[in-house]
Every structure is written in C-alpha cells, then in structure tokens.
Amino acid sequence: MSPCVEHRRARPLLGTFVEINARGTCAEEAVEAAFAEIEKVHRLMSFHDPASDVSHFNATPVGKKIRLHPWTHRVLRLAAQLSEDSGGVFDITVAPALAALGFLPPTPRHSGSWRDLHLHSDGTGMKTQPLTIDLGGIAKGFAVDVAVRKLMRFPGIAAGLVNAGGDLRAFGNEPWPVAIRHASDPGQRAAIIQLQNAAVATSAGYYRSRQHDGTRITALIHGISRQPLSADGSVSVIAPTAAVADALTKVIALGASPRILRKYRAQSYVQNRLAVA
C-alpha cells in the first residue's frame, strides 16, 4: 500500500489541463484510476475524435437508431432536460454555428435543434432532422463527476478535488478554498469560495474568445438565435455536481431565468452580464 497521504497530478485532457488531488492511503493509485475515467469520457464525447460516440451519432443518418454508451446517454438526457427547462437557450446542436465562427472544425449547416434529438430507454438515440451535436458545454463537468466518484469509492481516500480548467468538484470533511477570476482582469481574484462536497464552474470569455465583426465573442451560442455572446463578463455556478454546474453557467449566461437554479439546488455569481454580440 502506498505510504503517501496526499497526491496531486495534472495532465492535458478535454482540451484543457486537468488536475486531480487526493488525500488518504493509496492516493497515487486513486489519482491514476480517476484519470482513467476522464480519459474514457474524452474518448466517448470528443467532437474531434472520429471514433467517439458523438462523432458516430453525428454521422448516423436521420431516422436511424444508434446505441450509445450509458455515460453518453446520461449526458444527452441531462442536456435535453436543461434545454427544456431553459426554453431552448441551452442547446447542444449549435455546433454548426460554432464551426462557422471558427470554434469547431467545419461542419454542415443544419436547422435541427434539441427537439429533434430523441433518446430511448433501451440506451439508443436518434435524430429526426439533420443536426450536429457538441457536448463541449457539459461533458467536461461530467468528466469531473466520474473522476470524483472514482476517488470517493477508492479504499482509504478521505478527500479530493478534481479541476478541469475551472470546472471543479471537491469532497471531504474540510472545505477547499477556490478563487474565482475577475471577469475584466483574470489575473486577479473576484472572490474566494469555500467548496465542500459541491462543484463550481465558470463560463467567461477571457481565455477562449475571438474577434468577429468588430466584437470580441465567446463560444457561448444562444440556442434560439444562434448568435454568440460577447466576451465581457463571466458566470460562475455552484451546484451539487460539476455537470450541472458546467451546463448552468451557459444557461444563466444565455439569459434563462435564474429561477432554474432552484430546481438544480444551484446558485450563481455573475460578473458583467454577457450579451448577444
């Protein structure tokens, strides 16, 4: 059994750096096992990997069922529920708009939306209109959740934190201090929260944005208008799971009613509200 009581490692995954910190006996082995879970999510839900579930779904003809990995099916069901709860402002079928703006590789333009994505209880999925999905707005949080779940179930692990480029989840008997970057000056802290048995995620434009028609825009696309948001502000959400926190940052940034937070037992911290560019 490993004698270490705390172990921390970082690796490039999910298009960002993922850091895992575990405290307890066998911490090194637990961290390796948690990274394996994140790598699995990466393989299943990458937009760029032609072997992923997402790529297979996008390539499947309209009207044909496709069997999905249970994790992919779970994320799609959560995304569909959030689309319904937000009135469609959150929509994982905005990939063509992201591609047109240079945030994703070229993809055919489609008029289909989340309403044309159908998920069945036998673990299959199907589209009834041409559409292209991208799970970039929710899969990173889900990867954090499965990594945390692995750590929590590992014998001898008392506490841990998983951070995937600002999508974090922590567990244990003591809080973990987490700094939220200032929207206008990301080198500075806007706030420090004490995260305990909860997750926090932030959507902002300070690290992933580009110039478009004279305006700095983000990769946050309004599900109905299909227009990008400006890069001026940031939205952080604290929630029980990282997948929910990750997706709700987009939901709130895109203008859904904050009342949706109550359903998911979440709370938000908004700096300089983002607007349609």
Foldseek 3Di string as FASTA:
>chain_A
DAPFQKDKDWDDALNFIKIKIFGWPPRVVLLVVLVVLLVVLRQAAPPPHCNHVQNVQLPDDAPDKDAHDPLVLVLLVVQLVLCVQQVQQRWQQLVCLCCVVPNDPHDDDWDDTSVQWDADPVRIIGGNGNTHGHCSQFSVQVSQQSSVVSQVPDPTTAWMWMDGPAKIAIEHDFWDWDFDAALAGRVDGPDIDTHYQKIKHKDAQPPAWDDDPNFIFHSQAGRPVRFTWGRRKMKMKIFNTSSVRSNVRSSVLSPGDPVVCVVRVMDMDIGPRIDGD
